[in-house]
Amino acid sequence: MDSKKDQLLALIAHNPFISQQDLAERLGLSRSAVAGYVAALTKERRILGRAYVLPGARKLVCIGGSNVDRKLRGLEALQMGNSNPARLSESPGGVARNVAENLARLGLQVQLLTALGDDAAGRYLLGHAASVGVDSSASLIAADAPTGSYTAVLSPEGELVLGLAQMDLCERLTPDYLRQCTAQRAQAGLTLVDLNLPAESLAFLLAEAAEEKSAPLVAVAVSAPKMARLPQSLQGLSLLILNRDELAAATGLELGLDDPSQLQRAHEALAARGLQRLIVTQGAGRLFFGSAGQALKSIKPPATSVVEVSGAGDAFAAGVCAALLQEPEDLAAACKLGLRLARLTLRSEHSVSPELSPELLLP
């Protein structure tokens, strides 16, 4: 017969939320004996701390915005201050949501923690997430506010001219909500957050990562204005992904277009605040990356045709995270996979390319 410790582990595997009192009653043990077995199993890394999370349950956790994307693409050169003929399309969107879908299409286990309205758009996003393999069951559902929306005005060439975001629900992704999702977050092999989160929630996650030595925490910028949400102390932040304008907003430095030394200075300023690694994207220009205390390196993205730009940055972030989950120290390889996913997305009319598949992760 299995030992009491093995029996206890089997009960935890069946129900990670089972209480120690229930375990004691099921196994005919004292509460103190159960506590001893739990401590021993934790020390052996057969369970991983809070909520009795088992090692095999590790996944990527994405926290942040979800919305319905509405894209208006001009049919001819846009004239500001005038009515312009355009073509409209709608699709699921949001930085964290897009990253989660990219990762799921790569065949990875993904948990999405987001905020949605109790409306048709929210139900559409929940159903779509389930259809592509994203677990969004722990998301916050609000009965008194609409699901977020993002409207992008695109040139006939597919370049973004103007973006309008209504993301008020993200303000409800508070530290209290994150505490309620401790069990889901404890399963993370890597956690990605976007800067749609409130500043106090970002500070909470960084402090938690710094204190608990938990899964690597990756932050993805959303826009230059939202860089103000980034805490002054970046202790606990494993990686920050952003573009040149967002880097300038984060550091208060003026960054010229053709001066890598200025990027290096901004990199050092963020490292002094506790940031471990940085990636700076520049569209079709050179991508820069590096670790604290080191000079930035760069990669020139290969030329590619562009159908439209929406979602390419999110695909890049997903590729980086997927690669780091496999090889945590190889930031160069992570950037290369990110560029590969971004290139597929640039060639597509969709914010998440339907061409993504698990084969992209093969050596």
Protein backbone atom coordinates (compact mmCIF):
# COMPACT_ATOMS: atom_id res chain seq x y z
CA MET A 1 0.00 0.00 0.00
CA ASP A 2 1.19 3.57 -0.72
CA SER A 3 2.66 5.50 2.18
CA LYS A 4 0.58 8.16 3.90
CA LYS A 5 2.75 10.79 2.21
CA ASP A 6 2.02 9.37 -1.24
CA GLN A 7 -1.69 9.11 -0.43
CA LEU A 8 -1.65 12.74 0.68
CA LEU A 9 0.07 13.78 -2.55
CA ALA A 10 -2.57 11.95 -4.59
CA LEU A 11 -5.37 13.79 -2.75
CA ILE A 12 -3.65 17.13 -3.40
CA ALA A 13 -3.22 16.30 -7.09
CA HIS A 14 -6.96 15.61 -7.29
CA ASN A 15 -7.89 18.81 -5.42
CA PRO A 16 -5.14 21.45 -5.02
CA PHE A 17 -7.46 23.52 -2.81
CA ILE A 18 -8.12 20.81 -0.22
CA SER A 19 -7.60 21.99 3.36
CA GLN A 20 -5.21 20.35 5.81
CA GLN A 21 -8.19 19.50 8.04
CA ASP A 22 -9.86 17.62 5.15
CA LEU A 23 -6.60 15.82 4.43
CA ALA A 24 -6.32 14.80 8.08
CA GLU A 25 -9.87 13.41 8.13
CA ARG A 26 -9.45 11.55 4.81
CA LEU A 27 -6.19 9.93 5.90
CA GLY A 28 -6.97 9.36 9.56
CA LEU A 29 -4.10 11.60 10.66
CA SER A 30 -3.74 14.52 13.02
CA ARG A 31 -3.63 18.03 11.60
CA SER A 32 -0.04 18.40 12.78
CA ALA A 33 0.98 15.17 11.02
CA VAL A 34 -0.53 16.48 7.76
CA ALA A 35 1.37 19.76 8.20
CA GLY A 36 4.58 17.76 8.58
CA TYR A 37 3.94 15.77 5.42
CA VAL A 38 3.13 18.98 3.48
CA ALA A 39 6.35 20.59 4.71
CA ALA A 40 8.33 17.51 3.66
CA LEU A 41 6.74 17.41 0.20
CA THR A 42 7.40 21.11 -0.27
CA LYS A 43 11.04 20.66 0.73
CA GLU A 44 11.32 17.82 -1.80
CA ARG A 45 9.78 20.12 -4.50
CA ARG A 46 6.98 17.61 -5.04
CA ILE A 47 4.54 20.42 -4.33
CA LEU A 48 5.26 24.09 -4.91
CA GLY A 49 4.11 26.19 -2.00
CA ARG A 50 0.75 27.88 -1.81
CA ALA A 51 -2.39 26.18 -3.17
CA TYR A 52 -0.41 22.91 -3.34
CA VAL A 53 0.61 23.53 -6.95
CA LEU A 54 2.29 20.51 -8.52
CA PRO A 55 5.40 20.92 -10.73
CA GLY A 56 3.71 19.44 -13.78
CA ALA A 57 1.09 22.19 -13.78
CA ARG A 58 3.51 25.00 -14.76
CA LYS A 59 2.18 27.30 -17.47
CA LEU A 60 2.49 30.81 -18.87
CA VAL A 61 0.30 33.33 -17.07
CA CYS A 62 -0.70 36.55 -18.89
CA ILE A 63 -2.24 39.41 -16.91
CA GLY A 64 -3.70 42.54 -18.48
CA GLY A 65 -6.01 43.88 -21.12
CA SER A 66 -8.61 42.20 -23.31
CA ASN A 67 -10.85 44.06 -25.71
CA VAL A 68 -12.56 43.94 -29.05
CA ASP A 69 -10.36 45.43 -31.79
CA ARG A 70 -12.04 47.53 -34.44
CA LYS A 71 -9.80 48.35 -37.38
CA LEU A 72 -10.72 51.03 -39.88
CA ARG A 73 -8.38 50.86 -42.88
CA GLY A 74 -8.46 53.75 -45.31
CA LEU A 75 -9.16 52.88 -48.91
CA GLU A 76 -7.13 55.86 -50.14
CA ALA A 77 -4.74 58.42 -48.70
CA LEU A 78 -6.20 59.70 -45.42
CA GLN A 79 -7.15 63.37 -45.12
CA MET A 80 -7.22 64.65 -41.54
CA GLY A 81 -10.31 66.68 -40.63
CA ASN A 82 -12.34 65.02 -43.41
CA SER A 83 -14.51 61.95 -43.88
CA ASN A 84 -12.51 59.10 -45.40
CA PRO A 85 -13.77 55.90 -47.03
CA ALA A 86 -12.59 52.86 -45.05
CA ARG A 87 -13.02 49.13 -44.53
CA LEU A 88 -14.02 47.91 -41.03
CA SER A 89 -13.01 44.65 -39.36
CA GLU A 90 -13.45 43.38 -35.80
CA SER A 91 -11.46 40.78 -33.85
CA PRO A 92 -10.36 39.87 -30.32
CA GLY A 93 -7.61 42.16 -29.04
CA GLY A 94 -5.73 43.53 -26.06
CA VAL A 95 -2.01 43.14 -25.38
CA ALA A 96 -2.14 40.41 -22.72
CA ARG A 97 -4.97 38.65 -24.57
CA ASN A 98 -3.11 38.73 -27.88
CA VAL A 99 0.06 37.40 -26.26
CA ALA A 100 -1.96 34.61 -24.62
CA GLU A 101 -3.52 33.56 -27.93
CA ASN A 102 -0.13 33.56 -29.68
CA LEU A 103 1.27 31.31 -26.94
CA ALA A 104 -1.71 28.95 -27.07
CA ARG A 105 -1.35 28.63 -30.85
CA LEU A 106 2.25 27.56 -30.20
CA GLY A 107 0.85 24.67 -28.18
CA LEU A 108 1.72 26.07 -24.73
CA GLN A 109 -0.46 26.04 -21.61
CA VAL A 110 -1.73 29.56 -20.98
CA GLN A 111 -3.73 31.19 -18.18
CA LEU A 112 -5.20 34.63 -18.94
CA LEU A 113 -6.22 36.90 -16.06
CA THR A 114 -8.15 39.85 -17.43
CA ALA A 115 -11.30 41.94 -16.91
CA LEU A 116 -14.40 41.70 -19.08
CA GLY A 117 -17.92 43.08 -19.03
CA ASP A 118 -20.94 40.83 -18.58
CA ASP A 119 -22.02 41.63 -22.13
CA ALA A 120 -22.00 40.19 -25.63
CA ALA A 121 -18.43 41.34 -26.27
CA GLY A 122 -17.20 39.76 -23.04
CA ARG A 123 -18.92 36.47 -23.80
CA TYR A 124 -17.46 36.55 -27.31
CA LEU A 125 -13.93 36.98 -25.91
CA LEU A 126 -14.42 34.19 -23.36
CA GLY A 127 -15.69 31.83 -26.05
CA HIS A 128 -12.88 32.70 -28.43
CA ALA A 129 -10.26 32.17 -25.71
CA ALA A 130 -11.64 28.72 -24.96
CA SER A 131 -11.67 27.85 -28.67
CA VAL A 132 -7.93 28.53 -29.05
CA GLY A 133 -6.92 26.87 -25.78
CA VAL A 134 -6.54 29.87 -23.45
CA ASP A 135 -7.84 29.35 -19.91
CA SER A 136 -9.54 32.62 -18.92
CA SER A 137 -11.91 31.08 -16.36
CA ALA A 138 -10.50 33.12 -13.45
CA SER A 139 -11.00 36.46 -15.18
CA LEU A 140 -12.91 39.27 -13.52
CA ILE A 141 -16.44 39.72 -14.92
CA ALA A 142 -18.10 43.09 -14.28
CA ALA A 143 -21.86 43.51 -14.51
CA ASP A 144 -21.72 47.31 -14.40
CA ALA A 145 -19.18 48.17 -17.12
CA PRO A 146 -18.67 47.29 -20.79
CA THR A 147 -15.89 45.14 -22.20
CA GLY A 148 -12.97 47.21 -23.43
CA SER A 149 -12.53 48.28 -27.01
CA TYR A 150 -9.67 49.50 -29.19
CA THR A 151 -10.21 51.32 -32.47
CA ALA A 152 -7.29 51.55 -34.87
CA VAL A 153 -7.26 53.87 -37.85
CA LEU A 154 -4.90 52.43 -40.46
CA SER A 155 -3.47 53.89 -43.62
CA PRO A 156 -4.09 52.06 -46.92
CA GLU A 157 -0.59 50.56 -46.43
CA GLY A 158 -1.59 49.10 -43.05
CA GLU A 159 0.37 51.54 -40.86
CA LEU A 160 -1.22 52.81 -37.64
CA VAL A 161 -2.34 56.44 -37.92
CA LEU A 162 -4.38 56.69 -34.71
CA GLY A 163 -5.39 54.33 -31.93
CA LEU A 164 -8.21 54.93 -29.45
CA ALA A 165 -8.44 52.66 -26.40
CA GLN A 166 -11.28 52.33 -23.91
CA MET A 167 -9.73 50.10 -21.24
CA ASP A 168 -11.35 51.31 -18.00
CA LEU A 169 -12.04 47.77 -16.77
CA CYS A 170 -8.33 47.11 -16.39
CA GLU A 171 -8.39 49.45 -13.38
CA ARG A 172 -10.25 46.67 -11.57
CA LEU A 173 -7.28 44.29 -11.85
CA THR A 174 -6.29 45.40 -8.37
CA PRO A 175 -3.92 43.78 -5.86
CA ASP A 176 -6.99 42.29 -4.14
CA TYR A 177 -8.02 40.60 -7.39
CA LEU A 178 -4.47 39.33 -7.89
CA ARG A 179 -4.47 37.88 -4.38
CA GLN A 180 -7.70 36.04 -5.22
CA CYS A 181 -5.86 34.52 -8.20
CA THR A 182 -2.88 33.33 -6.17
CA ALA A 183 -3.54 29.68 -7.04
CA GLN A 184 -3.62 30.38 -10.78
CA ARG A 185 -0.54 32.62 -10.64
CA ALA A 186 1.39 30.07 -8.57
CA GLN A 187 1.28 27.71 -11.55
CA ALA A 188 3.37 30.05 -13.70
CA GLY A 189 6.66 29.06 -15.24
CA LEU A 190 6.71 32.66 -16.50
CA THR A 191 4.33 35.57 -15.91
CA LEU A 192 3.70 38.34 -18.44
CA VAL A 193 1.95 41.59 -17.51
CA ASP A 194 0.99 44.53 -19.69
CA LEU A 195 0.98 48.11 -18.48
CA ASN A 196 -2.79 48.38 -18.69
CA LEU A 197 -2.66 47.26 -15.04
CA PRO A 198 -2.99 49.91 -12.33
CA ALA A 199 0.30 51.18 -10.91
CA GLU A 200 -0.39 49.63 -7.50
CA SER A 201 -0.96 46.21 -9.10
CA LEU A 202 2.31 46.41 -11.00
CA ALA A 203 4.10 47.38 -7.80
CA PHE A 204 2.43 44.46 -6.01
CA LEU A 205 3.58 41.95 -8.64
CA LEU A 206 7.14 43.30 -8.68
CA ALA A 207 7.40 43.23 -4.89
CA GLU A 208 6.03 39.69 -4.84
CA ALA A 209 8.51 38.56 -7.50
CA ALA A 210 11.41 40.19 -5.67
CA GLU A 211 10.51 38.70 -2.29
CA GLU A 212 9.42 35.21 -3.26
CA LYS A 213 11.91 34.42 -6.02
CA SER A 214 8.93 33.18 -8.04
CA ALA A 215 8.56 32.68 -11.79
CA PRO A 216 10.28 35.29 -14.01
CA LEU A 217 8.13 38.41 -14.46
CA VAL A 218 8.04 40.04 -17.92
CA ALA A 219 6.38 43.43 -18.52
CA VAL A 220 5.21 44.64 -21.93
CA ALA A 221 4.62 48.34 -22.51
CA VAL A 222 1.30 49.41 -24.01
CA SER A 223 1.94 53.06 -24.87
CA ALA A 224 4.21 55.93 -23.91
CA PRO A 225 1.58 57.56 -21.64
CA LYS A 226 1.15 54.34 -19.63
CA MET A 227 4.86 54.16 -18.83
CA ALA A 228 3.98 56.39 -15.87
CA ARG A 229 2.43 53.27 -14.28
CA LEU A 230 5.82 51.57 -14.03
CA PRO A 231 7.07 51.71 -10.42
CA GLN A 232 10.27 53.58 -9.64
CA SER A 233 11.78 50.41 -8.19
CA LEU A 234 12.04 47.67 -10.79
CA GLN A 235 13.43 45.04 -8.42
CA GLY A 236 11.79 41.73 -9.34
CA LEU A 237 11.26 42.61 -13.01
CA SER A 238 13.07 40.05 -15.13
CA LEU A 239 12.47 41.69 -18.51
CA LEU A 240 10.89 44.85 -19.93
CA ILE A 241 9.84 44.94 -23.60
CA LEU A 242 9.12 48.36 -25.11
CA ASN A 243 9.79 50.63 -28.08
CA ARG A 244 11.99 53.73 -28.31
CA ASP A 245 9.19 56.21 -27.50
CA GLU A 246 8.15 54.16 -24.48
CA LEU A 247 11.77 53.93 -23.33
CA ALA A 248 12.08 57.70 -23.55
CA ALA A 249 8.91 58.09 -21.48
CA ALA A 250 10.15 55.57 -18.90
CA THR A 251 13.50 57.30 -18.41
CA GLY A 252 12.79 60.95 -19.22
CA LEU A 253 15.71 60.88 -21.66
CA GLU A 254 15.71 62.24 -25.22
CA LEU A 255 16.62 59.37 -27.52
CA GLY A 256 17.85 60.12 -31.02
CA LEU A 257 16.95 57.81 -33.85
CA ASP A 258 20.51 56.84 -34.79
CA ASP A 259 22.45 56.95 -31.51
CA PRO A 260 22.88 53.57 -29.77
CA SER A 261 24.84 55.29 -26.99
CA GLN A 262 21.65 57.04 -25.90
CA LEU A 263 19.83 53.70 -25.75
CA GLN A 264 22.69 52.36 -23.65
CA ARG A 265 22.33 55.29 -21.27
CA ALA A 266 18.61 54.59 -20.90
CA HIS A 267 19.38 50.89 -20.37
CA GLU A 268 21.78 51.75 -17.56
CA ALA A 269 19.23 54.09 -15.97
CA LEU A 270 16.64 51.31 -15.80
CA ALA A 271 19.22 48.80 -14.57
CA ALA A 272 20.03 51.20 -11.73
CA ARG A 273 16.36 50.98 -10.73
CA GLY A 274 16.60 47.17 -10.56
CA LEU A 275 15.62 46.00 -14.05
CA GLN A 276 17.36 42.75 -15.00
CA ARG A 277 16.98 42.72 -18.81
CA LEU A 278 15.68 45.03 -21.53
CA ILE A 279 14.46 44.71 -25.13
CA VAL A 280 13.92 47.84 -27.26
CA THR A 281 12.04 47.43 -30.54
CA GLN A 282 12.13 49.95 -33.40
CA GLY A 283 9.73 48.56 -35.97
CA ALA A 284 11.76 47.71 -39.05
CA GLY A 285 14.87 49.23 -37.43
CA ARG A 286 17.45 47.45 -35.33
CA LEU A 287 16.25 45.70 -32.18
CA PHE A 288 18.39 46.17 -29.05
CA PHE A 289 18.58 43.83 -26.07
CA GLY A 290 20.78 43.21 -23.06
CA SER A 291 21.18 42.41 -19.39
CA ALA A 292 21.98 44.81 -16.55
CA GLY A 293 25.67 45.62 -16.41
CA GLN A 294 26.27 44.72 -20.04
CA ALA A 295 26.35 46.64 -23.31
CA LEU A 296 23.25 46.35 -25.45
CA LYS A 297 23.44 44.02 -28.44
CA SER A 298 21.38 44.39 -31.59
CA ILE A 299 19.66 42.41 -34.33
CA LYS A 300 18.46 43.76 -37.65
CA PRO A 301 14.97 42.38 -38.39
CA PRO A 302 14.76 40.77 -41.83
CA ALA A 303 12.81 42.71 -44.43
CA THR A 304 9.24 41.58 -44.88
CA SER A 305 6.06 42.63 -46.63
CA VAL A 306 3.49 44.35 -44.41
CA VAL A 307 -0.22 43.74 -44.70
CA GLU A 308 -0.84 45.60 -41.44
CA VAL A 309 1.06 46.27 -38.21
CA SER A 310 -1.62 45.47 -35.61
CA GLY A 311 -0.55 42.69 -33.25
CA ALA A 312 3.04 42.39 -34.43
CA GLY A 313 4.45 43.67 -31.14
CA ASP A 314 2.29 41.26 -29.17
CA ALA A 315 3.47 38.37 -31.35
CA PHE A 316 7.06 39.43 -30.72
CA ALA A 317 6.48 39.42 -26.94
CA ALA A 318 4.87 35.99 -27.15
CA GLY A 319 7.83 34.58 -29.05
CA VAL A 320 10.25 36.00 -26.51
CA CYS A 321 8.31 34.47 -23.62
CA ALA A 322 7.93 31.09 -25.32
CA ALA A 323 11.68 30.91 -25.97
CA LEU A 324 12.61 32.04 -22.45
CA LEU A 325 10.38 29.34 -21.00
CA GLN A 326 12.63 26.81 -22.76
CA GLU A 327 16.01 28.60 -22.48
CA PRO A 328 15.75 31.28 -19.75
CA GLU A 329 19.28 32.65 -20.27
CA ASP A 330 19.30 32.95 -24.08
CA LEU A 331 17.85 36.39 -24.75
CA ALA A 332 19.27 36.52 -28.28
CA ALA A 333 17.43 33.33 -29.29
CA ALA A 334 14.28 34.68 -27.64
CA CYS A 335 14.48 37.86 -29.73
CA LYS A 336 14.95 35.83 -32.91
CA LEU A 337 11.84 33.73 -32.22
CA GLY A 338 9.93 36.91 -31.38
CA LEU A 339 10.93 38.47 -34.71
CA ARG A 340 9.86 35.32 -36.53
CA LEU A 341 6.38 35.48 -34.99
CA ALA A 342 6.13 39.22 -35.60
CA ARG A 343 7.02 38.70 -39.27
CA LEU A 344 4.20 36.16 -39.68
CA THR A 345 1.78 38.62 -38.07
CA LEU A 346 2.86 41.54 -40.26
CA ARG A 347 2.00 39.41 -43.30
CA SER A 348 -1.52 38.73 -41.98
CA GLU A 349 -4.71 40.75 -41.77
CA HIS A 350 -5.25 39.22 -38.32
CA SER A 351 -3.89 40.53 -35.00
CA VAL A 352 -2.79 36.95 -34.28
CA SER A 353 -1.51 35.01 -37.27
CA PRO A 354 -3.43 31.78 -37.98
CA GLU A 355 -0.14 30.34 -39.28
CA LEU A 356 1.26 29.93 -35.75
CA SER A 357 1.76 26.32 -34.68
CA PRO A 358 3.83 24.25 -32.22
CA GLU A 359 6.28 23.45 -35.05
CA LEU A 360 7.67 26.98 -34.70
CA LEU A 361 9.19 25.96 -31.35
CA LEU A 362 11.13 23.07 -32.82
CA PRO A 363 14.92 23.50 -33.14
